[in-house]
Amino acid sequence: MKSSQIGKLAEEKAAEFLKNRGYQILEKNFRTKFGEIDIVATEEDTLVFVEVRFRRSKDFGLPEETINSRKIQKIVNTAYRYISMKNPHFSDIRFDVIAVDTEGVRHIKNAFEAEI
């Protein structure tokens, strides 16, 4: 299976995980020239930008450990663009990570912070 197909399956698993916990999925794979956000969702009155990470094994670390400062900046810039385009009204904004590996799915709320 191609890595793009595996990534798509991990994103679908993450979306289902969120839906089962009461999140509403607004967008999947929101793309701009700045980058991509895997999932845009809401949890009550919070707008949540979700990065999905997958690893087949832990040989080189956990999936969530693969997010570096450059990736965070791309996510933040893309989130800023999403907000300016869609003009959503929420009392809070959060950046989460969903890590998918052979042991299952982990949801890291507030994985990083940014000024928006």
C-alpha atoms as a PDB file:
ATOM      1  CA  MET A   1       0.000   0.000   0.000  1.00  0.00           C
ATOM      2  CA  LYS A   2       1.312   3.462  -0.914  1.00  0.00           C
ATOM      3  CA  SER A   3       2.174   5.895   1.867  1.00  0.00           C
ATOM      4  CA  SER A   4      -0.465   8.334   0.545  1.00  0.00           C
ATOM      5  CA  GLN A   5      -3.109   5.611   0.918  1.00  0.00           C
ATOM      6  CA  ILE A   6      -1.899   4.795   4.430  1.00  0.00           C
ATOM      7  CA  GLY A   7      -2.004   8.482   5.325  1.00  0.00           C
ATOM      8  CA  LYS A   8      -5.559   8.725   4.022  1.00  0.00           C
ATOM      9  CA  LEU A   9      -6.596   5.717   6.139  1.00  0.00           C
ATOM     10  CA  ALA A  10      -4.978   7.278   9.221  1.00  0.00           C
ATOM     11  CA  GLU A  11      -6.891  10.523   8.576  1.00  0.00           C
ATOM     12  CA  GLU A  12     -10.170   8.615   8.212  1.00  0.00           C
ATOM     13  CA  LYS A  13      -9.471   6.766  11.469  1.00  0.00           C
ATOM     14  CA  ALA A  14      -8.731  10.102  13.178  1.00  0.00           C
ATOM     15  CA  ALA A  15     -11.956  11.673  11.842  1.00  0.00           C
ATOM     16  CA  GLU A  16     -14.010   8.726  13.111  1.00  0.00           C
ATOM     17  CA  PHE A  17     -12.241   8.941  16.467  1.00  0.00           C
ATOM     18  CA  LEU A  18     -13.220  12.605  16.763  1.00  0.00           C
ATOM     19  CA  LYS A  19     -16.814  12.046  15.597  1.00  0.00           C
ATOM     20  CA  ASN A  20     -17.245   9.292  18.199  1.00  0.00           C
ATOM     21  CA  ARG A  21     -16.247  11.816  20.855  1.00  0.00           C
ATOM     22  CA  GLY A  22     -18.766  14.441  19.771  1.00  0.00           C
ATOM     23  CA  TYR A  23     -16.649  16.587  17.470  1.00  0.00           C
ATOM     24  CA  GLN A  24     -18.173  17.987  14.296  1.00  0.00           C
ATOM     25  CA  ILE A  25     -15.887  17.690  11.268  1.00  0.00           C
ATOM     26  CA  LEU A  26     -15.987  20.886   9.198  1.00  0.00           C
ATOM     27  CA  GLU A  27     -13.253  20.148   6.670  1.00  0.00           C
ATOM     28  CA  LYS A  28     -10.753  17.494   5.726  1.00  0.00           C
ATOM     29  CA  ASN A  29      -7.508  18.288   3.932  1.00  0.00           C
ATOM     30  CA  PHE A  30      -7.951  22.066   3.851  1.00  0.00           C
ATOM     31  CA  ARG A  31      -5.206  23.303   1.516  1.00  0.00           C
ATOM     32  CA  THR A  32      -3.725  26.701   0.780  1.00  0.00           C
ATOM     33  CA  LYS A  33      -0.424  27.878  -0.632  1.00  0.00           C
ATOM     34  CA  PHE A  34       0.830  27.906   2.981  1.00  0.00           C
ATOM     35  CA  GLY A  35       0.148  24.233   3.641  1.00  0.00           C
ATOM     36  CA  GLU A  36      -2.544  21.778   4.634  1.00  0.00           C
ATOM     37  CA  ILE A  37      -4.590  21.068   7.723  1.00  0.00           C
ATOM     38  CA  ASP A  38      -5.711  17.458   7.922  1.00  0.00           C
ATOM     39  CA  ILE A  39      -8.934  18.053   9.863  1.00  0.00           C
ATOM     40  CA  VAL A  40     -10.816  21.175  10.920  1.00  0.00           C
ATOM     41  CA  ALA A  41     -13.403  20.364  13.567  1.00  0.00           C
ATOM     42  CA  THR A  42     -15.408  21.858  16.387  1.00  0.00           C
ATOM     43  CA  GLU A  43     -15.746  20.744  19.969  1.00  0.00           C
ATOM     44  CA  GLU A  44     -18.584  22.726  21.511  1.00  0.00           C
ATOM     45  CA  ASP A  45     -17.524  26.373  21.000  1.00  0.00           C
ATOM     46  CA  THR A  46     -13.889  25.593  20.147  1.00  0.00           C
ATOM     47  CA  LEU A  47     -12.480  25.535  16.629  1.00  0.00           C
ATOM     48  CA  VAL A  48      -9.926  22.721  16.456  1.00  0.00           C
ATOM     49  CA  PHE A  49      -7.195  22.336  13.847  1.00  0.00           C
ATOM     50  CA  VAL A  50      -5.968  18.736  13.832  1.00  0.00           C
ATOM     51  CA  GLU A  51      -2.719  17.353  12.462  1.00  0.00           C
ATOM     52  CA  VAL A  52      -2.769  13.582  11.922  1.00  0.00           C
ATOM     53  CA  ARG A  53       0.509  11.681  12.189  1.00  0.00           C
ATOM     54  CA  PHE A  54       1.090   7.999  11.438  1.00  0.00           C
ATOM     55  CA  ARG A  55       3.981   5.629  12.065  1.00  0.00           C
ATOM     56  CA  ARG A  56       4.202   1.927  11.228  1.00  0.00           C
ATOM     57  CA  SER A  57       6.618   1.263  14.063  1.00  0.00           C
ATOM     58  CA  LYS A  58       8.220   2.998  17.019  1.00  0.00           C
ATOM     59  CA  ASP A  59      11.744   2.287  15.773  1.00  0.00           C
ATOM     60  CA  PHE A  60      12.282   5.977  15.016  1.00  0.00           C
ATOM     61  CA  GLY A  61       9.992   7.493  17.630  1.00  0.00           C
ATOM     62  CA  LEU A  62       6.320   8.178  18.118  1.00  0.00           C
ATOM     63  CA  PRO A  63       4.163   9.714  15.370  1.00  0.00           C
ATOM     64  CA  GLU A  64       3.562  12.888  17.368  1.00  0.00           C
ATOM     65  CA  GLU A  65       7.313  13.426  17.688  1.00  0.00           C
ATOM     66  CA  THR A  66       7.593  14.032  13.942  1.00  0.00           C
ATOM     67  CA  ILE A  67       6.088  17.510  14.121  1.00  0.00           C
ATOM     68  CA  ASN A  68       8.826  20.132  13.997  1.00  0.00           C
ATOM     69  CA  SER A  69       8.727  23.928  14.265  1.00  0.00           C
ATOM     70  CA  ARG A  70       8.565  24.325  10.482  1.00  0.00           C
ATOM     71  CA  LYS A  71       5.469  22.077  10.297  1.00  0.00           C
ATOM     72  CA  ILE A  72       3.867  23.951  13.184  1.00  0.00           C
ATOM     73  CA  GLN A  73       4.421  27.265  11.393  1.00  0.00           C
ATOM     74  CA  LYS A  74       2.808  25.869   8.228  1.00  0.00           C
ATOM     75  CA  ILE A  75      -0.209  24.659  10.223  1.00  0.00           C
ATOM     76  CA  VAL A  76      -0.555  28.015  11.973  1.00  0.00           C
ATOM     77  CA  ASN A  77      -0.300  29.960   8.699  1.00  0.00           C
ATOM     78  CA  THR A  78      -2.877  27.686   7.093  1.00  0.00           C
ATOM     79  CA  ALA A  79      -5.176  28.032  10.119  1.00  0.00           C
ATOM     80  CA  TYR A  80      -4.876  31.812   9.883  1.00  0.00           C
ATOM     81  CA  ARG A  81      -5.866  31.609   6.221  1.00  0.00           C
ATOM     82  CA  TYR A  82      -8.803  29.334   7.065  1.00  0.00           C
ATOM     83  CA  ILE A  83     -10.060  31.845   9.620  1.00  0.00           C
ATOM     84  CA  SER A  84      -9.676  34.782   7.235  1.00  0.00           C
ATOM     85  CA  MET A  85     -11.486  32.925   4.433  1.00  0.00           C
ATOM     86  CA  LYS A  86     -14.286  31.285   6.430  1.00  0.00           C
ATOM     87  CA  ASN A  87     -14.735  33.875   9.208  1.00  0.00           C
ATOM     88  CA  PRO A  88     -15.893  31.328  11.801  1.00  0.00           C
ATOM     89  CA  HIS A  89     -17.035  32.587  15.193  1.00  0.00           C
ATOM     90  CA  PHE A  90     -15.769  30.521  18.091  1.00  0.00           C
ATOM     91  CA  SER A  91     -14.785  31.452  21.609  1.00  0.00           C
ATOM     92  CA  ASP A  92     -11.551  29.463  21.428  1.00  0.00           C
ATOM     93  CA  ILE A  93      -9.115  27.971  18.921  1.00  0.00           C
ATOM     94  CA  ARG A  94      -6.989  24.904  19.585  1.00  0.00           C
ATOM     95  CA  PHE A  95      -4.297  22.905  17.794  1.00  0.00           C
ATOM     96  CA  ASP A  96      -4.452  19.152  18.374  1.00  0.00           C
ATOM     97  CA  VAL A  97      -2.512  16.161  17.113  1.00  0.00           C
ATOM     98  CA  ILE A  98      -3.916  12.700  16.520  1.00  0.00           C
ATOM     99  CA  ALA A  99      -1.227  10.044  16.502  1.00  0.00           C
ATOM    100  CA  VAL A 100      -2.012   6.737  14.828  1.00  0.00           C
ATOM    101  CA  ASP A 101       0.249   3.714  15.168  1.00  0.00           C
ATOM    102  CA  THR A 102       0.092  -0.023  15.716  1.00  0.00           C
ATOM    103  CA  GLU A 103      -1.101   0.515  19.298  1.00  0.00           C
ATOM    104  CA  GLY A 104      -4.080   2.623  18.260  1.00  0.00           C
ATOM    105  CA  VAL A 105      -5.072   6.281  18.292  1.00  0.00           C
ATOM    106  CA  ARG A 106      -3.867   8.959  20.711  1.00  0.00           C
ATOM    107  CA  HIS A 107      -5.420  12.415  20.886  1.00  0.00           C
ATOM    108  CA  ILE A 108      -3.116  15.160  22.120  1.00  0.00           C
ATOM    109  CA  LYS A 109      -5.182  18.263  22.875  1.00  0.00           C
ATOM    110  CA  ASN A 110      -3.374  21.609  22.803  1.00  0.00           C
ATOM    111  CA  ALA A 111      -0.358  19.943  21.218  1.00  0.00           C
ATOM    112  CA  PHE A 112       1.030  23.414  20.517  1.00  0.00           C
ATOM    113  CA  GLU A 113      -0.092  26.994  20.879  1.00  0.00           C
ATOM    114  CA  ALA A 114      -0.092  29.911  18.471  1.00  0.00           C
ATOM    115  CA  GLU A 115      -1.267  33.478  18.398  1.00  0.00           C
ATOM    116  CA  ILE A 116      -4.059  33.860  15.863  1.00  0.00           C
END
